[in-house]
Protein backbone atom coordinates (compact mmCIF):
# COMPACT_ATOMS: atom_id res chain seq x y z
CA MET A 1 -27.22 10.42 -22.57
CA GLU A 2 -27.27 13.97 -24.19
CA VAL A 3 -25.07 16.63 -22.70
CA GLU A 4 -26.11 20.13 -23.13
CA THR A 5 -23.43 23.07 -23.17
CA VAL A 6 -24.66 26.39 -21.96
CA GLU A 7 -22.53 29.40 -22.66
CA SER A 8 -22.60 32.30 -20.05
CA ASN A 9 -21.59 35.69 -20.89
CA GLY A 10 -21.97 37.17 -17.65
CA PRO A 11 -19.34 38.22 -15.43
CA GLN A 12 -16.98 35.41 -14.08
CA ALA A 13 -16.16 37.12 -10.53
CA GLY A 14 -18.50 35.15 -8.80
CA SER A 15 -17.36 31.79 -10.42
CA ASP A 16 -13.57 32.89 -9.53
CA HIS A 17 -14.71 33.50 -5.92
CA ARG A 18 -16.31 30.01 -5.75
CA THR A 19 -13.29 28.38 -7.27
CA SER A 20 -10.98 29.95 -4.79
CA LYS A 21 -12.87 29.14 -2.29
CA ARG A 22 -13.09 25.31 -3.35
CA ASP A 23 -9.13 25.31 -3.65
CA ARG A 24 -8.92 26.91 -0.01
CA ARG A 25 -11.22 24.02 1.25
CA VAL A 26 -9.41 21.08 -0.59
CA PHE A 27 -6.00 22.54 0.56
CA TRP A 28 -6.95 22.61 4.26
CA ALA A 29 -8.78 19.20 3.95
CA CYS A 30 -5.59 17.65 2.54
CA ILE A 31 -3.21 19.41 5.16
CA PHE A 32 -5.70 17.90 8.09
CA ILE A 33 -5.53 14.51 6.77
CA LEU A 34 -1.85 14.26 5.92
CA ALA A 35 -1.02 15.68 9.54
CA ASN A 36 -3.48 12.73 10.96
CA ASN A 37 -1.54 10.05 8.59
CA CYS A 38 1.70 11.41 9.81
CA PHE A 39 1.00 11.49 13.41
CA GLN A 40 -0.37 7.61 12.99
CA TYR A 41 2.46 6.52 11.54
CA THR A 42 5.02 8.03 13.83
CA ALA A 43 2.87 6.38 16.54
CA TYR A 44 2.91 2.91 14.80
CA PHE A 45 6.54 2.91 13.94
CA GLY A 46 7.44 3.89 17.31
CA VAL A 47 5.85 0.48 18.32
CA SER A 48 6.42 -1.78 15.46
CA THR A 49 10.20 -0.92 14.62
CA ASN A 50 11.54 -2.06 18.09
CA LEU A 51 8.95 -4.88 19.05
CA VAL A 52 10.83 -7.67 18.77
CA ASN A 53 13.42 -6.15 21.59
CA TYR A 54 10.41 -5.26 23.95
CA LEU A 55 9.12 -8.92 23.52
CA LYS A 56 12.69 -10.20 24.40
CA ASP A 57 13.72 -7.77 27.16
CA ARG A 58 10.44 -7.12 29.00
CA LEU A 59 8.34 -10.00 28.19
CA HIS A 60 11.48 -12.52 28.43
CA GLU A 61 10.58 -14.46 25.11
CA GLY A 62 13.09 -16.17 23.22
CA SER A 63 14.15 -14.97 20.06
CA LYS A 64 12.12 -17.35 17.71
CA SER A 65 9.13 -16.79 19.85
CA ALA A 66 9.77 -12.91 19.52
CA ALA A 67 10.11 -12.95 16.07
CA ASN A 68 7.15 -15.28 15.21
CA GLY A 69 4.89 -12.87 17.79
CA VAL A 70 6.20 -9.87 15.43
CA THR A 71 5.31 -11.63 12.34
CA ASN A 72 1.86 -12.79 13.33
CA TRP A 73 1.07 -9.47 14.39
CA GLN A 74 2.16 -7.75 11.23
CA GLY A 75 0.16 -10.21 9.14
CA THR A 76 -2.70 -9.49 11.02
CA CYS A 77 -1.74 -5.62 10.50
CA ALA A 78 -2.09 -6.24 6.79
CA ILE A 79 -5.46 -8.15 6.86
CA THR A 80 -7.26 -5.99 9.25
CA PRO A 81 -7.45 -2.70 6.80
CA LEU A 82 -10.10 -4.99 4.88
CA VAL A 83 -12.25 -5.00 7.78
CA ALA A 84 -12.06 -1.13 8.17
CA ALA A 85 -12.56 -0.98 4.38
CA TYR A 86 -15.58 -3.09 4.14
CA LEU A 87 -17.40 -1.06 6.86
CA ALA A 88 -16.38 2.11 5.39
CA ASP A 89 -17.88 1.17 1.95
CA ALA A 90 -20.67 -0.60 3.15
CA PHE A 91 -22.29 0.77 6.11
CA LEU A 92 -20.48 3.68 8.14
CA GLY A 93 -18.85 5.85 5.18
CA ARG A 94 -14.86 6.89 5.50
CA TYR A 95 -15.44 9.72 7.95
CA TRP A 96 -16.91 7.76 10.90
CA THR A 97 -14.93 4.72 10.03
CA ILE A 98 -12.17 6.70 10.39
CA THR A 99 -13.03 8.32 13.49
CA LEU A 100 -14.08 5.00 15.12
CA PHE A 101 -10.92 3.22 14.32
CA MET A 102 -8.65 5.93 15.39
CA LEU A 103 -10.35 6.04 19.00
CA ILE A 104 -9.86 2.28 19.02
CA SER A 105 -6.12 2.82 18.32
CA VAL A 106 -5.67 5.54 21.39
CA VAL A 107 -7.33 2.98 23.43
CA ALA A 108 -4.72 0.44 22.11
CA TYR A 109 -1.76 2.97 22.53
CA GLY A 110 -3.01 3.43 26.35
CA VAL A 111 -3.06 -0.24 26.90
CA LEU A 112 0.55 -0.60 25.56
CA THR A 113 1.74 2.59 27.52
CA ALA A 114 0.16 1.20 30.92
CA SER A 115 1.60 -2.33 30.16
CA ALA A 116 5.14 -0.87 29.33
CA ALA A 117 5.25 1.39 32.43
CA ALA A 118 3.81 -0.82 35.07
CA ALA A 119 5.29 -4.19 33.56
CA LEU A 120 2.18 -6.12 33.43
CA GLN A 121 1.78 -9.41 32.22
CA GLY A 122 2.13 -10.31 28.58
CA ALA A 123 -1.64 -10.76 27.92
CA VAL A 124 -2.40 -7.31 28.61
CA PHE A 125 0.49 -6.28 26.28
CA TYR A 126 -0.83 -8.40 23.59
CA ALA A 127 -4.32 -7.50 23.82
CA GLY A 128 -3.16 -3.80 23.48
CA LEU A 129 -1.06 -4.90 20.36
CA TYR A 130 -3.76 -6.54 18.60
CA LEU A 131 -6.28 -3.88 19.14
CA LEU A 132 -3.99 -1.66 17.59
CA ALA A 133 -3.72 -3.95 14.66
CA LEU A 134 -7.30 -3.31 14.44
CA GLY A 135 -7.48 0.69 15.14
CA GLY A 136 -4.51 1.36 13.14
CA ALA A 137 -5.86 -0.35 9.93
CA LEU A 138 -6.86 3.14 8.34
CA GLN A 139 -4.35 3.50 5.29
CA PRO A 140 -7.02 2.49 2.45
CA VAL A 141 -9.89 4.25 4.18
CA LEU A 142 -7.82 7.50 4.75
CA SER A 143 -6.13 7.27 1.47
CA SER A 144 -9.51 7.08 -0.42
CA PHE A 145 -11.21 9.75 1.99
CA GLY A 146 -8.20 12.37 1.08
CA ALA A 147 -8.70 11.56 -2.56
CA ASP A 148 -12.35 11.94 -2.05
CA GLN A 149 -12.14 15.70 -1.56
CA PHE A 150 -11.01 16.36 -5.21
CA ASP A 151 -13.78 16.75 -8.04
CA GLU A 152 -13.10 14.30 -10.50
CA SER A 153 -15.08 16.18 -13.14
CA ASP A 154 -12.54 18.83 -13.08
CA GLU A 155 -9.40 18.02 -15.15
CA GLU A 156 -7.11 20.12 -12.93
CA GLU A 157 -8.04 18.77 -9.74
CA ARG A 158 -7.43 15.45 -10.89
CA GLY A 159 -3.90 16.49 -11.53
CA ARG A 160 -4.19 17.57 -7.96
CA GLN A 161 -5.66 14.20 -6.87
CA SER A 162 -2.60 12.43 -8.45
CA SER A 163 -0.25 14.82 -6.51
CA TYR A 164 -2.08 14.28 -3.23
CA PHE A 165 -1.12 10.56 -3.26
CA ASN A 166 2.61 11.26 -3.58
CA TRP A 167 2.05 13.46 -0.66
CA PHE A 168 0.29 10.92 1.19
CA TYR A 169 3.02 8.55 0.95
CA LEU A 170 5.78 10.86 1.91
CA SER A 171 3.62 11.51 5.07
CA ILE A 172 4.11 7.67 5.85
CA ASN A 173 7.93 7.89 5.31
CA VAL A 174 7.87 11.00 7.66
CA GLY A 175 6.16 9.16 10.13
CA SER A 176 8.44 6.30 9.45
CA LEU A 177 11.77 8.04 9.76
CA VAL A 178 10.40 9.65 13.44
CA GLY A 179 8.97 6.65 14.69
CA GLY A 180 11.69 4.56 13.56
CA THR A 181 14.85 6.48 14.74
CA VAL A 182 13.78 8.95 17.67
CA LEU A 183 11.23 6.98 19.34
CA VAL A 184 13.23 3.78 19.19
CA TRP A 185 16.30 5.80 20.59
CA VAL A 186 13.71 7.12 23.51
CA GLN A 187 12.76 3.19 24.14
CA SER A 188 16.41 1.86 24.11
CA SER A 189 18.06 5.10 25.93
CA VAL A 190 15.53 6.22 28.14
CA SER A 191 12.61 3.91 29.12
CA TRP A 192 9.92 1.67 27.60
CA GLY A 193 7.17 3.37 29.59
CA LEU A 194 8.13 6.86 28.00
CA GLY A 195 9.04 5.22 24.41
CA TYR A 196 5.25 3.85 24.38
CA GLY A 197 3.89 6.81 25.95
CA ILE A 198 4.88 9.38 22.94
CA PRO A 199 3.52 6.89 20.39
CA ALA A 200 0.03 7.31 22.57
CA LEU A 201 0.42 11.18 22.67
CA PHE A 202 0.83 10.99 18.76
CA SER A 203 -2.18 8.87 18.53
CA VAL A 204 -4.12 11.77 20.20
CA LEU A 205 -2.71 14.28 17.85
CA ALA A 206 -3.93 12.13 15.15
CA VAL A 207 -7.49 12.38 16.70
CA ALA A 208 -7.19 15.72 16.83
CA ALA A 209 -5.74 16.87 13.49
CA PHE A 210 -8.47 14.67 11.82
CA LEU A 211 -11.26 16.06 13.79
CA ALA A 212 -10.08 19.55 13.36
CA GLY A 213 -10.84 19.47 9.61
CA THR A 214 -14.33 18.38 9.95
CA ALA A 215 -15.74 21.43 8.70
CA VAL A 216 -13.85 21.71 5.41
CA TYR A 217 -14.16 18.02 4.56
CA ARG A 218 -16.26 16.97 1.34
CA ARG A 219 -17.88 13.70 2.75
CA HIS A 220 -19.78 13.18 -0.42
CA GLN A 221 -19.28 9.26 -0.78
CA PRO A 222 -22.14 7.53 1.15
CA PRO A 223 -22.29 3.83 1.93
CA GLY A 224 -23.49 1.77 -0.82
CA GLY A 225 -24.26 -1.49 1.00
CA SER A 226 -22.48 -4.65 1.32
CA PRO A 227 -20.37 -5.07 -2.06
CA PHE A 228 -19.96 -8.82 -1.09
CA THR A 229 -23.72 -8.89 -1.50
CA ARG A 230 -23.87 -7.11 -5.26
CA VAL A 231 -21.09 -9.50 -6.48
CA ALA A 232 -22.76 -12.53 -5.21
CA GLN A 233 -25.81 -11.49 -7.02
CA VAL A 234 -24.03 -10.89 -10.08
CA VAL A 235 -22.70 -14.01 -10.02
CA ALA A 236 -26.06 -15.86 -9.03
CA ALA A 237 -28.13 -14.08 -11.59
CA ALA A 238 -25.50 -15.13 -14.26
CA VAL A 239 -25.52 -18.63 -13.69
CA ARG A 240 -28.95 -18.86 -13.72
CA LYS A 241 -29.14 -17.68 -16.90
CA CYS A 242 -26.30 -19.52 -18.19
CA GLY A 243 -28.69 -20.62 -21.31
CA VAL A 244 -29.51 -17.14 -22.29
CA ASP A 245 -27.68 -15.21 -24.95
CA ALA A 246 -26.24 -11.78 -24.33
CA PRO A 247 -27.20 -9.11 -26.80
CA ASP A 248 -24.52 -7.75 -28.97
CA ASP A 249 -26.28 -4.41 -28.26
CA ALA A 250 -25.18 -3.31 -24.75
CA SER A 251 -27.93 -0.62 -24.79
CA ALA A 252 -30.69 -3.70 -24.48
CA LEU A 253 -29.05 -4.85 -21.26
CA TYR A 254 -30.69 -3.57 -18.21
CA GLU A 255 -30.05 -0.38 -16.16
CA CYS A 256 -31.44 2.31 -13.88
CA GLU A 257 -31.45 5.28 -15.95
CA ALA A 258 -31.00 8.49 -14.04
CA GLY A 259 -30.56 12.02 -15.67
CA ASP A 260 -27.52 12.59 -13.03
CA GLY A 261 -25.40 10.09 -14.09
CA MET A 262 -25.98 8.01 -10.97
CA SER A 263 -26.59 4.29 -10.52
CA ALA A 264 -29.19 2.36 -8.41
CA ILE A 265 -26.07 1.83 -6.13
CA GLN A 266 -26.14 4.73 -3.45
CA GLY A 267 -23.32 7.03 -4.28
CA SER A 268 -22.06 5.45 -7.12
CA ARG A 269 -21.75 6.71 -10.75
CA ARG A 270 -23.22 4.65 -13.63
CA LEU A 271 -20.41 2.46 -15.36
CA ALA A 272 -20.15 2.08 -19.12
CA HIS A 273 -20.52 -1.43 -20.38
CA THR A 274 -16.99 -3.30 -21.58
CA ASP A 275 -16.81 -6.20 -23.68
CA GLN A 276 -14.51 -8.29 -21.31
CA PHE A 277 -16.14 -11.17 -19.31
CA ARG A 278 -19.18 -11.27 -21.59
CA PHE A 279 -20.42 -14.28 -19.71
CA LEU A 280 -21.39 -11.87 -16.72
CA ASP A 281 -23.54 -9.78 -19.04
CA LYS A 282 -26.25 -12.45 -18.79
CA ALA A 283 -26.86 -10.98 -15.34
CA ALA A 284 -28.15 -7.76 -16.75
CA VAL A 285 -30.75 -9.43 -19.48
CA GLU A 286 -34.12 -8.89 -18.70
CA THR A 287 -36.38 -11.75 -19.27
CA ALA A 288 -40.24 -12.03 -19.10
CA SER A 289 -39.90 -13.69 -15.57
CA ASP A 290 -37.70 -10.73 -14.49
CA LYS A 291 -40.65 -8.34 -15.19
CA ALA A 292 -43.07 -10.62 -13.70
CA GLN A 293 -41.02 -11.25 -10.37
CA PRO A 294 -38.30 -8.75 -10.28
CA SER A 295 -35.49 -9.65 -7.91
CA PRO A 296 -31.58 -8.76 -7.39
CA TRP A 297 -30.64 -12.13 -7.60
CA ARG A 298 -31.95 -12.71 -10.64
CA LEU A 299 -31.60 -9.14 -12.73
CA CYS A 300 -28.78 -7.04 -12.25
CA THR A 301 -28.07 -3.60 -13.41
CA VAL A 302 -25.05 -2.91 -16.01
CA THR A 303 -23.40 -1.00 -13.58
CA GLN A 304 -23.62 -3.72 -10.78
CA VAL A 305 -22.09 -6.21 -13.35
CA GLU A 306 -19.32 -3.57 -14.30
CA GLU A 307 -18.44 -3.53 -10.72
CA LEU A 308 -17.48 -6.97 -10.50
CA LYS A 309 -15.69 -6.60 -14.05
CA CYS A 310 -13.57 -3.89 -12.57
CA VAL A 311 -12.46 -6.11 -9.40
CA LEU A 312 -11.67 -9.16 -11.74
CA ARG A 313 -9.55 -6.42 -13.99
CA LEU A 314 -7.75 -5.48 -10.96
CA LEU A 315 -6.61 -9.03 -9.82
CA PRO A 316 -4.07 -9.73 -12.16
CA VAL A 317 -2.64 -6.14 -11.60
CA TRP A 318 -2.80 -7.11 -8.20
CA ALA A 319 -1.04 -10.28 -8.36
CA THR A 320 2.09 -8.39 -9.99
CA GLY A 321 2.57 -6.69 -6.54
CA ILE A 322 3.25 -9.79 -4.83
CA ILE A 323 6.65 -10.54 -6.77
CA PHE A 324 7.31 -6.99 -6.49
CA SER A 325 6.72 -6.99 -2.35
CA ALA A 326 8.86 -10.23 -2.40
CA ALA A 327 11.59 -8.59 -3.67
CA TYR A 328 11.06 -5.37 -1.62
CA SER A 329 11.03 -7.26 1.67
CA GLN A 330 14.79 -7.82 1.15
CA MET A 331 15.53 -4.75 2.57
CA SER A 332 14.47 -6.41 6.14
CA THR A 333 16.26 -9.75 5.53
CA THR A 334 18.97 -10.58 3.05
CA PHE A 335 20.15 -6.86 3.01
CA ILE A 336 20.72 -6.81 6.51
CA LEU A 337 22.38 -10.14 6.24
CA GLN A 338 24.77 -8.60 4.04
CA GLY A 339 25.44 -5.59 5.98
CA ASP A 340 26.27 -7.38 9.05
CA THR A 341 29.41 -8.76 7.67
CA LEU A 342 30.49 -5.44 6.22
CA ASP A 343 32.69 -2.38 8.19
CA PRO A 344 29.83 -0.73 10.17
CA TYR A 345 32.41 2.38 11.87
CA VAL A 346 32.52 5.77 10.75
CA GLY A 347 35.49 7.06 12.77
CA GLY A 348 34.42 5.70 16.41
CA PHE A 349 30.67 5.43 15.49
CA ARG A 350 29.14 2.21 14.75
CA VAL A 351 26.35 2.13 12.46
CA PRO A 352 24.08 -1.23 12.67
CA ALA A 353 22.83 -2.64 9.49
CA ALA A 354 19.50 -2.32 10.02
CA VAL A 355 19.44 1.49 10.41
CA LEU A 356 20.68 1.59 6.83
CA SER A 357 17.05 1.31 5.83
CA VAL A 358 16.73 5.05 6.72
CA PHE A 359 18.34 5.66 3.35
CA ASP A 360 15.29 4.08 1.64
CA THR A 361 12.86 6.40 3.78
CA LEU A 362 15.14 9.62 2.84
CA SER A 363 15.29 8.36 -0.92
CA VAL A 364 11.40 8.29 -0.92
CA MET A 365 11.42 11.58 0.66
CA LEU A 366 13.82 12.91 -2.02
CA TRP A 367 11.96 11.20 -5.01
CA VAL A 368 8.51 12.20 -4.16
CA PRO A 369 8.90 16.18 -4.59
CA LEU A 370 11.37 15.16 -7.65
CA TYR A 371 8.84 12.99 -9.19
CA ASP A 372 5.95 15.57 -8.40
CA ARG A 373 7.60 18.78 -9.41
CA VAL A 374 10.28 17.81 -12.00
CA ILE A 375 9.41 14.20 -13.54
CA VAL A 376 5.84 14.88 -14.16
CA PRO A 377 5.81 17.97 -15.97
CA LEU A 378 8.68 16.73 -18.07
CA ALA A 379 6.75 13.51 -19.15
CA ARG A 380 3.31 15.59 -19.64
CA ARG A 381 5.05 17.51 -22.12
CA ALA A 382 6.47 14.61 -23.79
CA THR A 383 3.37 12.13 -23.35
CA GLY A 384 0.67 14.81 -23.33
CA HIS A 385 -0.77 12.91 -20.79
CA GLU A 386 -2.38 14.90 -17.74
CA ARG A 387 -0.65 12.87 -15.14
CA GLY A 388 2.57 12.53 -17.25
CA PHE A 389 2.66 8.71 -16.98
CA THR A 390 -0.44 6.41 -17.23
CA GLN A 391 -1.08 4.65 -13.91
CA LEU A 392 0.09 1.27 -15.47
CA ALA A 393 3.17 2.85 -16.90
CA ARG A 394 3.93 4.48 -13.67
CA MET A 395 3.83 1.05 -11.97
CA GLY A 396 5.74 -0.59 -14.56
CA ILE A 397 8.75 1.66 -14.14
CA GLY A 398 8.92 0.83 -10.78
CA LEU A 399 9.01 -2.60 -11.23
CA VAL A 400 11.92 -2.10 -13.75
CA VAL A 401 13.74 0.11 -11.09
CA LEU A 402 13.50 -2.46 -8.54
CA ALA A 403 15.34 -5.05 -10.69
CA VAL A 404 18.07 -2.68 -10.82
CA ALA A 405 18.17 -2.53 -7.05
CA MET A 406 18.59 -6.42 -7.00
CA VAL A 407 21.38 -6.12 -9.63
CA ALA A 408 22.99 -3.43 -7.53
CA ALA A 409 22.74 -5.73 -4.51
CA GLY A 410 24.21 -8.54 -6.31
CA ALA A 411 27.15 -6.50 -7.79
CA LEU A 412 28.29 -5.36 -4.01
CA GLU A 413 27.69 -9.25 -3.20
CA VAL A 414 30.05 -10.16 -5.86
CA GLU A 415 32.74 -7.62 -4.49
CA ARG A 416 32.12 -8.81 -1.06
CA ARG A 417 33.06 -12.23 -1.85
CA ARG A 418 36.19 -11.11 -3.54
CA VAL A 419 37.16 -9.38 -0.45
CA ILE A 420 36.27 -12.47 1.57
CA ALA A 421 38.47 -14.53 -0.64
CA ARG A 422 41.53 -12.04 -0.77
CA HIS A 423 41.57 -12.07 3.02
CA GLY A 424 40.42 -15.53 3.71
CA MET A 425 37.83 -14.29 6.26
CA TYR A 426 35.23 -16.96 5.56
CA ASP A 427 34.57 -17.73 9.14
CA THR A 428 36.12 -14.90 11.21
CA ASN A 429 33.92 -11.92 10.39
CA THR A 430 30.24 -12.82 11.55
CA GLY A 431 29.82 -9.58 13.17
CA ALA A 432 29.55 -11.36 16.64
CA ASP A 433 33.23 -11.45 17.35
CA GLY A 434 33.88 -7.80 16.47
CA ARG A 435 35.74 -8.21 13.10
CA TYR A 436 34.08 -7.06 9.94
CA LEU A 437 35.22 -7.21 6.25
CA PRO A 438 37.41 -4.07 5.09
CA LEU A 439 34.61 -3.09 3.10
CA SER A 440 32.53 -0.11 4.20
CA ILE A 441 28.58 -1.05 5.04
CA PHE A 442 27.76 2.66 3.32
CA TRP A 443 28.62 0.53 0.04
CA GLN A 444 24.99 -0.62 0.49
CA VAL A 445 23.29 3.04 0.40
CA PRO A 446 23.11 2.74 -3.50
CA GLN A 447 20.59 -0.37 -3.28
CA TYR A 448 18.45 1.20 -0.64
CA VAL A 449 18.10 4.39 -2.56
CA VAL A 450 17.22 2.55 -5.85
CA VAL A 451 14.42 0.58 -3.79
CA GLY A 452 13.03 4.08 -2.56
CA ALA A 453 12.89 5.09 -6.24
CA SER A 454 10.93 2.11 -6.91
CA GLU A 455 8.43 2.85 -4.06
CA VAL A 456 7.75 6.16 -5.59
CA PHE A 457 6.85 4.57 -9.00
CA THR A 458 4.94 1.30 -7.93
CA PHE A 459 3.52 1.73 -4.58
CA ILE A 460 2.31 5.04 -4.95
CA GLY A 461 0.84 4.22 -8.38
CA GLN A 462 -0.80 1.36 -6.95
CA MET A 463 -2.47 3.45 -4.35
CA GLU A 464 -3.79 5.65 -7.20
CA PHE A 465 -4.55 2.89 -9.47
CA PHE A 466 -6.72 0.92 -7.12
CA TYR A 467 -8.62 4.14 -5.95
CA ASP A 468 -9.33 5.42 -9.33
CA GLN A 469 -9.96 2.06 -11.25
CA ALA A 470 -12.26 0.41 -8.16
CA PRO A 471 -16.14 1.23 -8.54
CA ASP A 472 -16.99 4.43 -6.56
CA ALA A 473 -18.87 1.98 -3.88
CA MET A 474 -15.92 0.02 -3.37
CA ARG A 475 -12.94 2.35 -3.38
CA SER A 476 -11.92 1.46 0.34
CA LEU A 477 -12.18 -2.19 -0.17
CA CYS A 478 -10.15 -2.29 -3.58
CA SER A 479 -7.45 0.11 -1.83
CA GLY A 480 -7.38 -2.15 1.01
CA LEU A 481 -6.78 -5.14 -1.49
CA SER A 482 -3.81 -3.63 -3.08
CA LEU A 483 -2.11 -3.86 0.50
CA THR A 484 -2.56 -7.30 0.95
CA SER A 485 0.04 -7.73 -2.02
CA PHE A 486 2.38 -6.45 0.12
CA ALA A 487 1.63 -9.00 2.92
CA LEU A 488 1.58 -12.30 0.39
CA GLY A 489 4.88 -10.74 -0.78
CA ASN A 490 6.46 -11.13 2.32
CA TYR A 491 5.12 -14.82 2.88
CA ALA A 492 6.28 -15.52 -0.69
CA SER A 493 9.76 -13.96 0.17
CA SER A 494 9.86 -16.23 3.18
CA ALA A 495 8.85 -19.41 1.31
CA LEU A 496 11.39 -18.27 -1.62
CA VAL A 497 14.13 -18.18 0.84
CA ASP A 498 13.54 -21.84 2.23
CA VAL A 499 13.00 -23.21 -1.04
CA VAL A 500 16.33 -21.82 -2.36
CA ALA A 501 18.23 -22.68 0.74
CA ARG A 502 16.75 -26.34 0.85
CA ALA A 503 17.28 -26.94 -2.94
CA THR A 504 20.96 -25.45 -3.02
CA ALA A 505 21.94 -27.16 0.23
CA ARG A 506 21.56 -30.87 -1.11
CA GLY A 507 24.50 -33.47 -1.16
CA GLY A 508 26.19 -31.70 1.85
CA ARG A 509 26.70 -28.35 0.20
CA ASP A 510 26.42 -25.03 2.04
CA GLY A 511 23.79 -23.77 -0.64
CA TRP A 512 23.20 -20.09 -1.74
CA ILE A 513 21.81 -18.96 2.12
CA PRO A 514 23.55 -20.95 4.66
CA ASP A 515 23.75 -19.80 8.42
CA ASN A 516 27.13 -18.51 7.49
CA ILE A 517 26.19 -16.30 4.25
CA ASN A 518 30.31 -15.98 3.83
CA ARG A 519 30.29 -19.49 2.49
CA GLY A 520 26.86 -19.27 0.57
CA HIS A 521 26.34 -17.84 -2.82
CA LEU A 522 23.77 -14.41 -1.87
CA ASP A 523 24.80 -13.17 -5.11
CA TYR A 524 23.16 -16.25 -7.15
CA PHE A 525 19.91 -15.63 -4.77
CA PHE A 526 19.94 -11.49 -5.79
CA TRP A 527 20.54 -12.72 -9.56
CA LEU A 528 17.44 -14.79 -9.18
CA LEU A 529 15.27 -12.06 -7.55
CA ALA A 530 16.30 -9.66 -10.76
CA MET A 531 15.07 -12.36 -13.07
CA LEU A 532 11.87 -12.75 -11.29
CA CYS A 533 11.35 -8.90 -11.31
CA ILE A 534 12.25 -8.94 -15.16
CA GLY A 535 9.81 -11.76 -15.70
CA ASN A 536 7.27 -10.09 -13.46
CA PHE A 537 7.62 -7.22 -15.66
CA GLY A 538 7.18 -9.24 -19.07
CA ALA A 539 3.94 -10.48 -17.25
CA TYR A 540 2.80 -7.04 -16.23
CA ILE A 541 3.25 -5.80 -19.83
CA LEU A 542 0.77 -8.35 -21.04
CA ILE A 543 -1.65 -7.44 -18.49
CA ALA A 544 -1.33 -3.66 -19.02
CA ARG A 545 -2.16 -4.33 -22.80
CA TRP A 546 -4.94 -6.48 -21.94
CA TYR A 547 -6.42 -4.12 -19.26
CA THR A 548 -9.58 -1.72 -20.04
CA TYR A 549 -9.66 1.50 -17.71
CA LYS A 550 -12.83 2.16 -16.08
CA LYS A 551 -15.40 4.44 -18.15
CA THR A 552 -18.21 6.17 -16.21
CA VAL A 553 -21.50 7.57 -17.66
CA ASP A 554 -21.39 11.27 -17.11
């Protein structure tokens, strides 16, 4: 494709005015989207953080039943974003998908509030809960919609787009902080009805904030039809032509030419050919029978083939996120088990072990502006890269940082065991008897802070990477795919704990993770996680060296 450059010698005032107007539009669009996201997550964490206590206290479920109820619901919440993402990419577009699912969430919060206020049966509450799992499944669609507001052909706006993902994740953590502290206090100290009514109010504010920005949104990404159908067509066409040789010259492959650089897929730019997964190129080889009887199940465009290649290249990167998430999930499991035995008192005030996760949130809130305003400019000067680090480098840094967090947790556990041995408190400081080790719980703060730093590099890096490297017509779906690694990481963590506990407790031994962790070796488990993180990083380096970034035909 030839690119013609036209030089203008006329006045630039009109161009500057248009640029200023566009900047204001993008700014306000992002403000409305970030406010909406913050309100949504304030409501969500206002329900999810204290859910297990509601199931036990109001629905009179046992501890195991309540824990399973929360786990099952959270697992559903990790899957439903794929439903919203599919509808957004295939049929509805992002704007209308967000609007529809937010209205569903408002109804869900209304049902939960009515159930809590009137002490209705559990079936009504669970109906509202799973309706919320569907209506609240908007993170991949909303993050993609916000990134859509930036012009990717403009280098300056691409830099701002990268910054947007940092602030999007920050807005999630602000919502987590408010919902997980203030609203939980209302539920515990005032009433469940009011404690669920406030999240319902925030869900209404979220809808209002999003709709208020309608006039400034840039809704340029139309739905492109079912991505699953397009993928199936490529596979079917390649298999049918398994005996056909793909040409060495990629220009001989079939493509729908258009002067504006757009492909036959609605709203999707043409993708340049890449040499990986060459077998799939057979789907774009045009034969005599294809000319006589054209069919999308026999002949696909290069862009359609490259769509599938993009997804296949993302999968190994996605897989490394599972180990990362498994280690990250220790904040809600082994970190709390460790903290339950430490001295929780500051003066006469008791700090529960679970509350220390607020330091992770505060760490993210500190690291996001630090990364965006300090680290990126410094890295940009050192590397010359417009974003400071490549997306793959950013995620890799986070993998190493999380390993440091596991080492910090292991080091604290070594010291905790020394204190236990020194005072002979193997069986007397379970926390239930009111006795604690003479070691402050605030020694856990460093490991929470380091985990927060790893999030800023890896989780935000994943959001940006999966959006940027996905085909235009599959961005919501690929962003949703990145979230599933978090869900699988939680399942992997549970499986790892079970396997380690069983394997190390043979022959009548206590094992590494017994019910009384004072007689176990939780430090060994943290060392294992650190080694898994390092091994995962080693595999990630190989994947990053193999990975080929997506290229568009401009």
